[in-house]
Amino acid sequence: MKPIQSVFIAFVLMLFVSSFDQIKDGNLLIKTEKGETFPLVFREDDNPYNPSSYYFLTGHNFAPNESYEIFAESPGLESVSSQVVFPSDVPISEVSYVNLSFSEFYEDQNLIEFTVKFEDPAAKDFYQLEGSVYGKSTINENHFYSSQLYPQPVNPAYEKDYGWGSGLGILFSDVLLHGENSEIVFRTYLPRDFDLEVTINLSHVSESYFRYYDLANLQYYNQGDFLSQPVLVYTNIRNGLGIFSAR
């Protein structure tokens, strides 16, 4: 098994339009702290099996720890806006793992414990850890394995009764981290008799990203349970609903 570190920063702006009329003539722009503005361009995917549309910005490098504003307007509709601070790059400094045992639940898998070390900046920070696994059988050259990582945190403080999506990993804050000596320990099941390549993605995410996905997942978990308390999903859009986030 060959652990591979993978660290990335990506600007995130998603538009889900399955239940709403698409706004194709909107004017969207990003404004930097220096007052520079960059327009977003509407793009539409005509794939009949998985249609999607979005506003896209290319050719711009977002600066860490800087604030960005987004403005959107369209004829006949009220203008909306929001603001987000772009997170800094937080590289993985070390990855180690240990094979704990054969799985008592899966005959052909082992339980593996990973430790991911990194430096947590001196601020209020939020993270997402996820990844993927790919490999080829060492017994049958025609057999391959491909899956999400499905990390399960060892520290119960990182666990939630309502989970965190399907294959989307661990979403956590830095409350329990220790600056330059920070680490997250998780376990996952991996198949035996495979030469595996494990990719681990550690994303430094904005607070809006953390709060929205955490509460949206809780709302999804509670659906159909009339005894559960209503969940007010986080939004940071002025004059609208939704999130403006970054990772």
Protein backbone atom coordinates (compact mmCIF):
# COMPACT_ATOMS: atom_id res chain seq x y z
CA MET A 1 0.00 0.00 0.00
CA LYS A 2 1.41 3.37 -1.01
CA PRO A 3 0.03 6.39 0.92
CA ILE A 4 -0.03 9.51 -1.25
CA GLN A 5 -0.45 12.99 0.18
CA SER A 6 -2.85 15.20 -1.70
CA VAL A 7 -3.45 18.79 -0.64
CA PHE A 8 -5.54 21.21 -2.64
CA ILE A 9 -7.27 24.57 -2.56
CA ALA A 10 -10.22 25.20 -4.82
CA PHE A 11 -12.72 27.99 -5.11
CA VAL A 12 -16.20 26.59 -4.55
CA LEU A 13 -19.33 28.12 -6.05
CA MET A 14 -22.15 25.72 -6.77
CA LEU A 15 -25.59 26.40 -8.22
CA PHE A 16 -28.20 23.68 -7.79
CA VAL A 17 -31.14 24.34 -10.08
CA SER A 18 -33.14 21.10 -10.13
CA SER A 19 -36.06 22.66 -8.23
CA PHE A 20 -35.83 26.26 -9.44
CA ASP A 21 -36.00 28.21 -12.66
CA GLN A 22 -32.53 28.74 -14.09
CA ILE A 23 -31.28 32.31 -14.26
CA LYS A 24 -29.24 32.39 -17.45
CA ASP A 25 -29.03 36.17 -17.88
CA GLY A 26 -27.75 37.02 -14.42
CA ASN A 27 -24.79 39.29 -13.77
CA LEU A 28 -22.42 37.72 -11.24
CA LEU A 29 -19.09 39.10 -10.16
CA ILE A 30 -16.44 38.57 -7.51
CA LYS A 31 -14.92 41.61 -5.80
CA THR A 32 -11.53 41.49 -4.04
CA GLU A 33 -10.32 43.48 -1.02
CA LYS A 34 -8.47 45.80 -3.44
CA GLY A 35 -11.71 46.60 -5.27
CA GLU A 36 -10.92 44.51 -8.36
CA THR A 37 -13.94 42.82 -9.94
CA PHE A 38 -14.12 39.61 -11.99
CA PRO A 39 -17.28 38.53 -13.85
CA LEU A 40 -18.55 34.93 -13.83
CA VAL A 41 -19.76 33.35 -17.08
CA PHE A 42 -22.87 31.14 -17.34
CA ARG A 43 -22.25 27.63 -18.63
CA GLU A 44 -24.78 24.90 -19.31
CA ASP A 45 -24.16 21.18 -19.72
CA ASP A 46 -26.59 19.69 -22.25
CA ASN A 47 -25.99 16.11 -21.10
CA PRO A 48 -29.54 14.63 -21.11
CA TYR A 49 -28.65 12.12 -18.37
CA ASN A 50 -27.08 14.58 -15.96
CA PRO A 51 -27.86 18.17 -16.96
CA SER A 52 -26.22 20.93 -14.95
CA SER A 53 -25.63 24.65 -15.18
CA TYR A 54 -23.38 27.01 -13.29
CA TYR A 55 -21.58 30.35 -13.32
CA PHE A 56 -17.86 29.90 -13.80
CA LEU A 57 -14.76 31.97 -13.05
CA THR A 58 -11.40 31.00 -14.50
CA GLY A 59 -7.90 32.43 -14.61
CA HIS A 60 -7.88 33.93 -11.11
CA ASN A 61 -5.75 32.85 -8.16
CA PHE A 62 -7.45 33.46 -4.84
CA ALA A 63 -5.19 34.81 -2.08
CA PRO A 64 -5.23 33.08 1.32
CA ASN A 65 -6.78 34.93 4.27
CA GLU A 66 -8.30 37.60 1.99
CA SER A 67 -11.96 38.50 1.92
CA TYR A 68 -14.03 38.17 -1.27
CA GLU A 69 -17.52 39.41 -2.03
CA ILE A 70 -19.97 38.03 -4.55
CA PHE A 71 -22.76 40.04 -6.16
CA ALA A 72 -25.59 38.65 -8.27
CA GLU A 73 -28.40 40.46 -10.05
CA SER A 74 -30.95 39.73 -12.74
CA PRO A 75 -33.78 41.82 -14.28
CA GLY A 76 -36.94 41.64 -12.19
CA LEU A 77 -35.25 40.06 -9.17
CA GLU A 78 -33.77 41.51 -6.02
CA SER A 79 -29.97 41.62 -5.95
CA VAL A 80 -28.14 39.24 -3.60
CA SER A 81 -24.63 39.28 -2.17
CA SER A 82 -22.34 37.54 0.28
CA GLN A 83 -18.79 37.50 1.60
CA VAL A 84 -16.21 34.82 2.47
CA VAL A 85 -12.60 34.73 3.65
CA PHE A 86 -10.51 32.40 1.49
CA PRO A 87 -8.71 29.78 3.63
CA SER A 88 -4.93 29.42 3.66
CA ASP A 89 -3.03 26.39 2.38
CA VAL A 90 -2.58 23.79 5.13
CA PRO A 91 -0.19 21.09 3.83
CA ILE A 92 -0.08 17.57 5.21
CA SER A 93 3.29 17.13 6.93
CA GLU A 94 3.16 13.38 7.55
CA VAL A 95 0.98 10.33 6.93
CA SER A 96 1.46 7.03 8.75
CA TYR A 97 -0.65 3.90 9.08
CA VAL A 98 -0.80 0.61 10.91
CA ASN A 99 -2.64 -2.61 10.08
CA LEU A 100 -4.72 -3.35 13.19
CA SER A 101 -6.22 -6.71 12.33
CA PHE A 102 -8.43 -8.71 10.03
CA SER A 103 -11.92 -7.26 9.90
CA GLU A 104 -14.48 -9.08 12.03
CA PHE A 105 -17.18 -7.80 9.67
CA TYR A 106 -15.55 -8.36 6.27
CA GLU A 107 -13.65 -11.58 5.63
CA ASP A 108 -11.52 -10.17 2.82
CA GLN A 109 -10.57 -6.83 4.43
CA ASN A 110 -8.23 -5.41 7.07
CA LEU A 111 -8.86 -2.59 9.53
CA ILE A 112 -6.24 0.13 8.91
CA GLU A 113 -5.57 3.11 11.19
CA PHE A 114 -4.17 6.28 9.60
CA THR A 115 -2.60 9.29 11.31
CA VAL A 116 -2.49 12.54 9.32
CA LYS A 117 -0.29 15.31 10.75
CA PHE A 118 -0.45 18.99 9.78
CA GLU A 119 -0.05 22.50 11.22
CA ASP A 120 -3.25 24.24 12.28
CA PRO A 121 -3.00 28.06 11.85
CA ALA A 122 -3.53 30.34 14.84
CA ALA A 123 -7.17 31.17 14.11
CA LYS A 124 -10.62 29.59 14.18
CA ASP A 125 -10.35 26.97 11.45
CA PHE A 126 -12.43 24.21 9.89
CA TYR A 127 -11.46 21.14 7.88
CA GLN A 128 -12.73 18.32 5.73
CA LEU A 129 -10.83 15.06 5.35
CA GLU A 130 -11.78 12.59 2.64
CA GLY A 131 -10.07 10.52 -0.01
CA SER A 132 -10.12 7.56 -2.34
CA VAL A 133 -8.61 4.09 -2.77
CA TYR A 134 -7.56 2.41 -5.99
CA GLY A 135 -5.65 -0.79 -6.58
CA LYS A 136 -5.00 -3.97 -8.49
CA SER A 137 -5.28 -7.51 -7.18
CA THR A 138 -1.99 -9.29 -6.45
CA ILE A 139 -3.73 -12.62 -7.13
CA ASN A 140 -5.86 -11.93 -10.22
CA GLU A 141 -4.49 -9.32 -12.63
CA ASN A 142 -7.98 -8.72 -14.02
CA HIS A 143 -9.43 -7.63 -10.66
CA PHE A 144 -9.34 -3.97 -9.62
CA TYR A 145 -10.58 -2.10 -6.57
CA SER A 146 -11.90 1.48 -6.52
CA SER A 147 -13.71 3.20 -3.66
CA GLN A 148 -14.07 6.30 -1.54
CA LEU A 149 -11.94 6.26 1.61
CA TYR A 150 -14.83 6.34 4.15
CA PRO A 151 -12.68 7.48 7.11
CA GLN A 152 -14.06 6.89 10.60
CA PRO A 153 -12.50 9.12 13.29
CA VAL A 154 -10.92 7.41 16.30
CA ASN A 155 -11.66 10.33 18.64
CA PRO A 156 -15.41 10.14 19.45
CA ALA A 157 -15.52 13.95 19.69
CA TYR A 158 -15.33 14.04 15.88
CA GLU A 159 -18.22 11.62 15.47
CA LYS A 160 -21.82 12.70 14.94
CA ASP A 161 -24.99 10.69 15.38
CA TYR A 162 -26.14 11.85 11.97
CA GLY A 163 -22.91 11.04 10.17
CA TRP A 164 -21.38 13.17 7.47
CA GLY A 165 -22.65 12.33 4.02
CA SER A 166 -21.80 9.31 1.91
CA GLY A 167 -18.10 9.07 1.20
CA LEU A 168 -17.58 12.75 2.01
CA GLY A 169 -15.27 12.11 4.94
CA ILE A 170 -14.81 13.86 8.28
CA LEU A 171 -15.89 17.47 8.83
CA PHE A 172 -14.29 19.01 11.92
CA SER A 173 -13.19 22.23 13.62
CA ASP A 174 -9.83 22.97 15.27
CA VAL A 175 -11.15 22.98 18.86
CA LEU A 176 -9.12 19.85 19.73
CA LEU A 177 -6.08 20.61 17.57
CA HIS A 178 -2.67 21.75 18.83
CA GLY A 179 -1.13 24.17 16.36
CA GLU A 180 1.96 22.82 14.61
CA ASN A 181 1.47 19.41 16.28
CA SER A 182 -2.05 18.84 15.01
CA GLU A 183 -3.24 15.47 13.80
CA ILE A 184 -6.39 13.58 12.88
CA VAL A 185 -6.55 9.81 13.39
CA PHE A 186 -9.05 7.67 11.53
CA ARG A 187 -9.71 4.07 10.58
CA THR A 188 -11.01 2.45 7.43
CA TYR A 189 -11.43 -1.02 5.95
CA LEU A 190 -9.22 -1.93 2.99
CA PRO A 191 -9.20 -5.16 0.96
CA ARG A 192 -6.44 -7.73 1.37
CA ASP A 193 -4.37 -9.09 -1.51
CA PHE A 194 -4.40 -5.77 -3.40
CA ASP A 195 -1.60 -3.36 -4.25
CA LEU A 196 -3.39 -0.19 -3.12
CA GLU A 197 -2.91 3.50 -3.73
CA VAL A 198 -4.56 5.60 -1.01
CA THR A 199 -5.21 9.29 -1.63
CA ILE A 200 -5.94 11.54 1.35
CA ASN A 201 -7.36 15.03 0.80
CA LEU A 202 -7.20 17.51 3.69
CA SER A 203 -9.21 20.62 2.86
CA HIS A 204 -9.08 23.84 4.85
CA VAL A 205 -12.65 25.12 4.49
CA SER A 206 -14.48 28.33 5.32
CA GLU A 207 -16.83 28.51 8.30
CA SER A 208 -19.76 28.86 5.90
CA TYR A 209 -18.80 25.55 4.23
CA PHE A 210 -18.55 23.81 7.61
CA ARG A 211 -21.82 25.16 9.04
CA TYR A 212 -23.90 24.62 5.91
CA TYR A 213 -22.93 21.01 5.22
CA ASP A 214 -23.07 20.05 8.90
CA LEU A 215 -26.63 21.37 9.31
CA ALA A 216 -27.81 20.22 5.89
CA ASN A 217 -26.76 16.69 6.76
CA LEU A 218 -28.58 16.92 10.10
CA GLN A 219 -31.71 18.08 8.32
CA TYR A 220 -31.47 15.15 5.90
CA TYR A 221 -30.99 12.74 8.81
CA ASN A 222 -34.10 14.08 10.61
CA GLN A 223 -36.43 14.05 7.63
CA GLY A 224 -39.59 12.06 8.30
CA ASP A 225 -39.08 12.15 12.08
CA PHE A 226 -41.90 14.34 13.38
CA LEU A 227 -40.45 14.18 16.92
CA SER A 228 -37.13 15.77 15.95
CA GLN A 229 -36.52 19.49 16.33
CA PRO A 230 -36.65 21.58 13.14
CA VAL A 231 -33.23 22.28 11.63
CA LEU A 232 -32.52 25.78 10.36
CA VAL A 233 -29.92 25.20 7.67
CA TYR A 234 -27.19 27.86 7.66
CA THR A 235 -27.25 30.57 5.00
CA ASN A 236 -24.96 33.58 4.48
CA ILE A 237 -26.65 35.15 1.44
CA ARG A 238 -28.04 38.65 1.92
CA ASN A 239 -31.57 38.94 0.43
CA GLY A 240 -31.57 35.23 -0.39
CA LEU A 241 -30.89 31.67 0.73
CA GLY A 242 -27.78 29.57 0.18
CA ILE A 243 -24.09 29.71 0.91
CA PHE A 244 -21.01 31.42 -0.45
CA SER A 245 -18.10 29.23 0.65
CA ALA A 246 -14.52 28.32 -0.14
CA ARG A 247 -12.06 25.50 0.51
